[in-house]
Amino acid sequence: MAGLTIPAIAVIILREMWPVVLAYYLHHHWAIFPGLVLGCALTGLIMQYLTPDPNQHSTEEIIQSYHEHRGAIDMRSFPAKLLGCACQNKMMA
């Protein structure tokens, strides 16, 4: 599943989001810094309020699930982390 999801996300970000953001920033140079700040702020808020443990990264969650939960992965934080990643990439691209 991850083998299909990660390339799909990369295609969406690179083919759909990147051209729009790049064209906007090329015509509005003043918007680069506010876009970076907004992207980081949105990502921070999403991670802080929509994930169970904002200090734990996905890799750490996988390792912990392997050692402590027999490999059972809690997918509750996946949509929020995906949204945070998309916000950060869209604003920072």
N, C-alpha and C. Protein backbone atom coordinates (compact mmCIF):
# COMPACT_ATOMS: atom_id res chain seq x y z
N MET A 1 0.82 -1.19 0.00
CA MET A 1 0.00 0.00 0.00
C MET A 1 0.87 1.26 0.00
N ALA A 2 1.91 1.24 0.83
CA ALA A 2 2.80 2.41 0.89
C ALA A 2 3.52 2.59 -0.44
N GLY A 3 3.82 1.48 -1.12
CA GLY A 3 4.49 1.57 -2.41
C GLY A 3 3.65 2.27 -3.47
N LEU A 4 2.34 2.26 -3.33
CA LEU A 4 1.47 2.97 -4.26
C LEU A 4 1.12 4.37 -3.77
N THR A 5 1.00 4.52 -2.46
CA THR A 5 0.59 5.81 -1.90
C THR A 5 1.66 6.87 -2.05
N ILE A 6 2.89 6.54 -1.74
CA ILE A 6 3.97 7.53 -1.79
C ILE A 6 4.19 8.07 -3.20
N PRO A 7 4.27 7.23 -4.24
CA PRO A 7 4.40 7.80 -5.59
C PRO A 7 3.18 8.62 -6.01
N ALA A 8 1.99 8.21 -5.58
CA ALA A 8 0.78 8.98 -5.91
C ALA A 8 0.84 10.37 -5.29
N ILE A 9 1.27 10.45 -4.05
CA ILE A 9 1.41 11.75 -3.38
C ILE A 9 2.47 12.59 -4.09
N ALA A 10 3.58 11.98 -4.45
CA ALA A 10 4.64 12.71 -5.14
C ALA A 10 4.14 13.23 -6.49
N VAL A 11 3.38 12.45 -7.21
CA VAL A 11 2.84 12.89 -8.50
C VAL A 11 1.88 14.05 -8.31
N ILE A 12 1.02 13.95 -7.30
CA ILE A 12 0.07 15.04 -7.05
C ILE A 12 0.80 16.32 -6.71
N ILE A 13 1.80 16.22 -5.85
CA ILE A 13 2.53 17.42 -5.45
C ILE A 13 3.33 17.98 -6.61
N LEU A 14 4.06 17.14 -7.34
CA LEU A 14 4.94 17.62 -8.40
C LEU A 14 4.21 18.03 -9.66
N ARG A 15 3.15 17.34 -10.02
CA ARG A 15 2.46 17.65 -11.29
C ARG A 15 1.30 18.62 -11.12
N GLU A 16 0.64 18.57 -9.97
CA GLU A 16 -0.54 19.40 -9.79
C GLU A 16 -0.26 20.67 -8.98
N MET A 17 0.42 20.53 -7.86
CA MET A 17 0.60 21.66 -6.97
C MET A 17 1.80 22.53 -7.36
N TRP A 18 2.92 21.91 -7.69
CA TRP A 18 4.14 22.65 -7.96
C TRP A 18 4.00 23.67 -9.08
N PRO A 19 3.45 23.35 -10.25
CA PRO A 19 3.34 24.36 -11.31
C PRO A 19 2.50 25.58 -10.92
N VAL A 20 1.44 25.35 -10.16
CA VAL A 20 0.58 26.46 -9.75
C VAL A 20 1.31 27.38 -8.77
N VAL A 21 1.96 26.78 -7.78
CA VAL A 21 2.67 27.56 -6.78
C VAL A 21 3.86 28.29 -7.41
N LEU A 22 4.61 27.61 -8.26
CA LEU A 22 5.76 28.23 -8.91
C LEU A 22 5.33 29.40 -9.78
N ALA A 23 4.28 29.25 -10.55
CA ALA A 23 3.80 30.35 -11.40
C ALA A 23 3.36 31.53 -10.54
N TYR A 24 2.71 31.26 -9.44
CA TYR A 24 2.28 32.34 -8.56
C TYR A 24 3.48 33.08 -7.98
N TYR A 25 4.45 32.34 -7.46
CA TYR A 25 5.62 32.96 -6.86
C TYR A 25 6.48 33.69 -7.88
N LEU A 26 6.52 33.23 -9.12
CA LEU A 26 7.29 33.93 -10.15
C LEU A 26 6.67 35.28 -10.50
N HIS A 27 5.37 35.39 -10.39
CA HIS A 27 4.70 36.66 -10.69
C HIS A 27 4.52 37.55 -9.47
N HIS A 28 4.63 36.96 -8.28
CA HIS A 28 4.45 37.71 -7.03
C HIS A 28 5.61 37.40 -6.09
N HIS A 29 6.75 38.00 -6.32
CA HIS A 29 7.94 37.72 -5.51
C HIS A 29 7.74 38.07 -4.04
N TRP A 30 6.92 39.06 -3.78
CA TRP A 30 6.68 39.49 -2.40
C TRP A 30 5.99 38.40 -1.58
N ALA A 31 5.35 37.44 -2.23
CA ALA A 31 4.56 36.42 -1.53
C ALA A 31 5.39 35.23 -1.07
N ILE A 32 6.66 35.18 -1.42
CA ILE A 32 7.47 34.01 -1.07
C ILE A 32 7.62 33.87 0.45
N PHE A 33 8.05 34.92 1.11
CA PHE A 33 8.25 34.83 2.56
C PHE A 33 6.94 34.58 3.31
N PRO A 34 5.86 35.33 3.03
CA PRO A 34 4.60 35.01 3.72
C PRO A 34 4.11 33.59 3.43
N GLY A 35 4.37 33.09 2.22
CA GLY A 35 3.97 31.71 1.90
C GLY A 35 4.73 30.70 2.73
N LEU A 36 6.03 30.94 2.94
CA LEU A 36 6.83 30.05 3.78
C LEU A 36 6.33 30.07 5.22
N VAL A 37 6.08 31.26 5.73
CA VAL A 37 5.61 31.38 7.12
C VAL A 37 4.24 30.71 7.27
N LEU A 38 3.34 30.95 6.33
CA LEU A 38 2.01 30.35 6.39
C LEU A 38 2.08 28.83 6.30
N GLY A 39 2.91 28.31 5.41
CA GLY A 39 3.06 26.86 5.27
C GLY A 39 3.58 26.21 6.54
N CYS A 40 4.58 26.83 7.16
CA CYS A 40 5.13 26.29 8.41
C CYS A 40 4.11 26.39 9.54
N ALA A 41 3.39 27.49 9.61
CA ALA A 41 2.39 27.67 10.67
C ALA A 41 1.25 26.66 10.53
N LEU A 42 0.75 26.49 9.31
CA LEU A 42 -0.33 25.51 9.09
C LEU A 42 0.12 24.10 9.42
N THR A 43 1.33 23.76 9.00
CA THR A 43 1.85 22.43 9.29
C THR A 43 1.99 22.23 10.79
N GLY A 44 2.53 23.22 11.49
CA GLY A 44 2.67 23.11 12.94
C GLY A 44 1.34 22.96 13.65
N LEU A 45 0.35 23.74 13.24
CA LEU A 45 -0.98 23.64 13.86
C LEU A 45 -1.63 22.28 13.60
N ILE A 46 -1.51 21.81 12.38
CA ILE A 46 -2.07 20.50 12.03
C ILE A 46 -1.42 19.41 12.87
N MET A 47 -0.09 19.44 12.94
CA MET A 47 0.62 18.41 13.70
C MET A 47 0.32 18.51 15.20
N GLN A 48 0.19 19.71 15.71
CA GLN A 48 -0.04 19.90 17.15
C GLN A 48 -1.43 19.45 17.58
N TYR A 49 -2.44 19.78 16.77
CA TYR A 49 -3.81 19.56 17.21
C TYR A 49 -4.52 18.36 16.57
N LEU A 50 -3.98 17.82 15.50
CA LEU A 50 -4.68 16.72 14.83
C LEU A 50 -3.97 15.38 14.91
N THR A 51 -2.81 15.33 15.55
CA THR A 51 -2.11 14.06 15.71
C THR A 51 -2.05 13.70 17.19
N PRO A 52 -2.08 12.40 17.51
CA PRO A 52 -2.06 11.99 18.92
C PRO A 52 -0.80 12.43 19.66
N ASP A 53 0.37 12.30 19.03
CA ASP A 53 1.63 12.71 19.65
C ASP A 53 2.42 13.53 18.65
N PRO A 54 2.35 14.86 18.73
CA PRO A 54 3.01 15.70 17.73
C PRO A 54 4.53 15.61 17.75
N ASN A 55 5.11 15.09 18.81
CA ASN A 55 6.56 15.00 18.89
C ASN A 55 7.11 13.71 18.29
N GLN A 56 6.25 12.81 17.94
CA GLN A 56 6.69 11.52 17.41
C GLN A 56 6.52 11.50 15.90
N HIS A 57 7.59 11.17 15.19
CA HIS A 57 7.56 11.12 13.74
C HIS A 57 7.09 9.75 13.27
N SER A 58 6.73 9.67 12.02
CA SER A 58 6.18 8.43 11.46
C SER A 58 7.16 7.27 11.59
N THR A 59 8.44 7.53 11.36
CA THR A 59 9.43 6.46 11.47
C THR A 59 9.48 5.93 12.90
N GLU A 60 9.44 6.83 13.86
CA GLU A 60 9.43 6.41 15.26
C GLU A 60 8.18 5.60 15.59
N GLU A 61 7.04 5.99 15.01
CA GLU A 61 5.80 5.25 15.24
C GLU A 61 5.90 3.82 14.70
N ILE A 62 6.51 3.67 13.54
CA ILE A 62 6.66 2.33 12.94
C ILE A 62 7.56 1.47 13.81
N ILE A 63 8.69 2.03 14.26
CA ILE A 63 9.61 1.27 15.10
C ILE A 63 8.94 0.90 16.42
N GLN A 64 8.22 1.83 17.02
CA GLN A 64 7.53 1.55 18.28
C GLN A 64 6.46 0.48 18.09
N SER A 65 5.72 0.54 17.01
CA SER A 65 4.69 -0.47 16.78
C SER A 65 5.30 -1.85 16.58
N TYR A 66 6.46 -1.89 15.96
CA TYR A 66 7.14 -3.18 15.77
C TYR A 66 7.56 -3.77 17.11
N HIS A 67 8.16 -2.94 17.97
CA HIS A 67 8.69 -3.43 19.22
C HIS A 67 7.63 -3.62 20.31
N GLU A 68 6.61 -2.78 20.32
CA GLU A 68 5.67 -2.80 21.44
C GLU A 68 4.28 -3.33 21.10
N HIS A 69 3.90 -3.33 19.83
CA HIS A 69 2.53 -3.70 19.48
C HIS A 69 2.47 -4.79 18.41
N ARG A 70 3.53 -5.58 18.31
CA ARG A 70 3.59 -6.69 17.34
C ARG A 70 3.36 -6.24 15.90
N GLY A 71 3.76 -5.03 15.59
CA GLY A 71 3.67 -4.54 14.22
C GLY A 71 2.34 -3.89 13.86
N ALA A 72 1.40 -3.86 14.79
CA ALA A 72 0.11 -3.20 14.52
C ALA A 72 0.33 -1.68 14.48
N ILE A 73 -0.01 -1.06 13.37
CA ILE A 73 0.24 0.36 13.17
C ILE A 73 -1.06 1.13 13.36
N ASP A 74 -1.01 2.17 14.17
CA ASP A 74 -2.16 3.04 14.40
C ASP A 74 -2.20 4.07 13.27
N MET A 75 -3.22 4.00 12.44
CA MET A 75 -3.30 4.87 11.26
C MET A 75 -4.07 6.16 11.52
N ARG A 76 -4.44 6.45 12.78
CA ARG A 76 -5.20 7.67 13.07
C ARG A 76 -4.47 8.94 12.70
N SER A 77 -3.16 8.96 12.86
CA SER A 77 -2.42 10.19 12.59
C SER A 77 -2.03 10.33 11.12
N PHE A 78 -2.23 9.30 10.31
CA PHE A 78 -1.80 9.35 8.91
C PHE A 78 -2.49 10.47 8.11
N PRO A 79 -3.81 10.61 8.15
CA PRO A 79 -4.43 11.69 7.36
C PRO A 79 -3.96 13.09 7.78
N ALA A 80 -3.81 13.32 9.08
CA ALA A 80 -3.36 14.63 9.54
C ALA A 80 -1.93 14.90 9.10
N LYS A 81 -1.06 13.90 9.19
CA LYS A 81 0.32 14.09 8.76
C LYS A 81 0.41 14.27 7.25
N LEU A 82 -0.43 13.59 6.52
CA LEU A 82 -0.47 13.77 5.07
C LEU A 82 -0.93 15.19 4.71
N LEU A 83 -1.93 15.68 5.40
CA LEU A 83 -2.41 17.04 5.18
C LEU A 83 -1.33 18.06 5.56
N GLY A 84 -0.65 17.85 6.66
CA GLY A 84 0.43 18.74 7.05
C GLY A 84 1.55 18.77 6.04
N CYS A 85 1.88 17.61 5.51
CA CYS A 85 2.92 17.52 4.48
C CYS A 85 2.50 18.27 3.22
N ALA A 86 1.25 18.11 2.83
CA ALA A 86 0.76 18.80 1.64
C ALA A 86 0.76 20.32 1.84
N CYS A 87 0.37 20.79 3.02
CA CYS A 87 0.38 22.23 3.30
C CYS A 87 1.79 22.77 3.25
N GLN A 88 2.70 22.05 3.86
CA GLN A 88 4.07 22.52 3.89
C GLN A 88 4.67 22.53 2.48
N ASN A 89 4.44 21.49 1.72
CA ASN A 89 4.99 21.43 0.37
C ASN A 89 4.35 22.45 -0.56
N LYS A 90 3.07 22.68 -0.42
CA LYS A 90 2.40 23.64 -1.29
C LYS A 90 2.90 25.06 -1.03
N MET A 91 3.06 25.42 0.22
CA MET A 91 3.49 26.76 0.55
C MET A 91 4.98 26.96 0.31
N MET A 92 5.76 25.92 0.51
CA MET A 92 7.21 26.07 0.42
C MET A 92 7.73 25.77 -0.98
N ALA A 93 6.93 25.14 -1.79
CA ALA A 93 7.39 24.78 -3.13
C ALA A 93 7.66 26.03 -3.89
